[in-house]
Amino acid sequence: MSNISRQTVHAYLVKTASSEPTYLRAREIATDLDASPKAVAQYLSQLQDDLVDVSLEQWSRSKSTTWRLEVNES
């Protein structure tokens, strides 16, 4: 598996976001980016408060955390 950067995860979120909520898990993103789910989860937590263009919210925790993603309304 390749190394992944915070910018890569951010770009993925922006590309994936739409006006309708999308629900994601770190392992799904990691599969798409050929990265470690643990690294992706760490970046998601960090990016949650830093994103301007999209809204990222920790939605639920069952076996793993689900994230709610959508474009911010301006």
Protein backbone atom coordinates (compact mmCIF):
# COMPACT_ATOMS: atom_id res chain seq x y z
CA MET A 1 0.00 0.00 0.00
CA SER A 2 1.19 3.44 -0.82
CA ASN A 3 1.62 6.36 1.51
CA ILE A 4 -1.28 8.77 1.56
CA SER A 5 -1.38 12.47 2.30
CA ARG A 6 -3.94 14.69 3.94
CA GLN A 7 -4.29 16.57 0.63
CA THR A 8 -5.14 13.32 -1.17
CA VAL A 9 -7.95 12.58 1.27
CA HIS A 10 -9.18 16.17 1.03
CA ALA A 11 -9.23 16.00 -2.78
CA TYR A 12 -11.13 12.70 -2.64
CA LEU A 13 -13.76 14.22 -0.33
CA VAL A 14 -14.24 17.27 -2.56
CA LYS A 15 -14.54 15.06 -5.65
CA THR A 16 -17.02 12.71 -3.96
CA ALA A 17 -19.24 15.30 -2.26
CA SER A 18 -22.59 16.29 -3.72
CA SER A 19 -25.58 18.33 -2.62
CA GLU A 20 -27.15 15.13 -1.30
CA PRO A 21 -25.49 13.54 1.74
CA THR A 22 -23.06 10.72 1.04
CA TYR A 23 -22.14 8.24 3.75
CA LEU A 24 -18.60 6.87 3.75
CA ARG A 25 -16.32 4.74 5.87
CA ALA A 26 -12.56 5.02 6.04
CA ARG A 27 -12.06 1.52 4.67
CA GLU A 28 -14.08 2.37 1.53
CA ILE A 29 -12.00 5.50 0.92
CA ALA A 30 -8.82 3.55 1.62
CA THR A 31 -9.77 0.95 -0.97
CA ASP A 32 -10.35 3.66 -3.59
CA LEU A 33 -7.06 5.38 -2.74
CA ASP A 34 -5.00 2.20 -2.19
CA ALA A 35 -4.18 3.30 1.35
CA SER A 36 -4.48 2.15 4.92
CA PRO A 37 -7.94 2.55 6.52
CA LYS A 38 -6.24 3.62 9.74
CA ALA A 39 -4.39 6.47 7.99
CA VAL A 40 -7.56 7.58 6.18
CA ALA A 41 -9.55 7.56 9.45
CA GLN A 42 -6.90 9.69 11.10
CA TYR A 43 -7.05 12.26 8.28
CA LEU A 44 -10.86 12.29 8.32
CA SER A 45 -10.82 13.23 11.98
CA GLN A 46 -8.31 16.01 11.31
CA LEU A 47 -10.12 17.34 8.25
CA GLN A 48 -13.52 17.43 9.90
CA ASP A 49 -12.96 20.93 11.33
CA ASP A 50 -10.73 22.25 8.55
CA LEU A 51 -12.93 21.77 5.49
CA VAL A 52 -14.58 24.84 3.99
CA ASP A 53 -15.98 23.59 0.69
CA VAL A 54 -17.59 20.42 2.03
CA SER A 55 -19.19 19.36 5.28
CA LEU A 56 -17.81 16.25 6.99
CA GLU A 57 -19.56 14.98 10.08
CA GLN A 58 -19.00 11.89 12.18
CA TRP A 59 -22.37 10.25 11.73
CA SER A 60 -22.43 6.94 13.58
CA ARG A 61 -20.21 4.39 15.23
CA SER A 62 -21.17 0.78 14.98
CA LYS A 63 -18.34 -1.51 14.00
CA SER A 64 -16.58 1.43 12.38
CA THR A 65 -17.26 5.13 12.07
CA THR A 66 -19.52 6.32 9.29
CA TRP A 67 -18.95 9.84 7.97
CA ARG A 68 -21.63 12.06 6.43
CA LEU A 69 -20.30 14.15 3.54
CA GLU A 70 -22.01 16.86 1.50
CA VAL A 71 -21.26 20.13 -0.28
CA ASN A 72 -21.64 23.20 1.94
CA GLU A 73 -24.50 25.48 0.97
CA SER A 74 -23.21 28.97 0.25
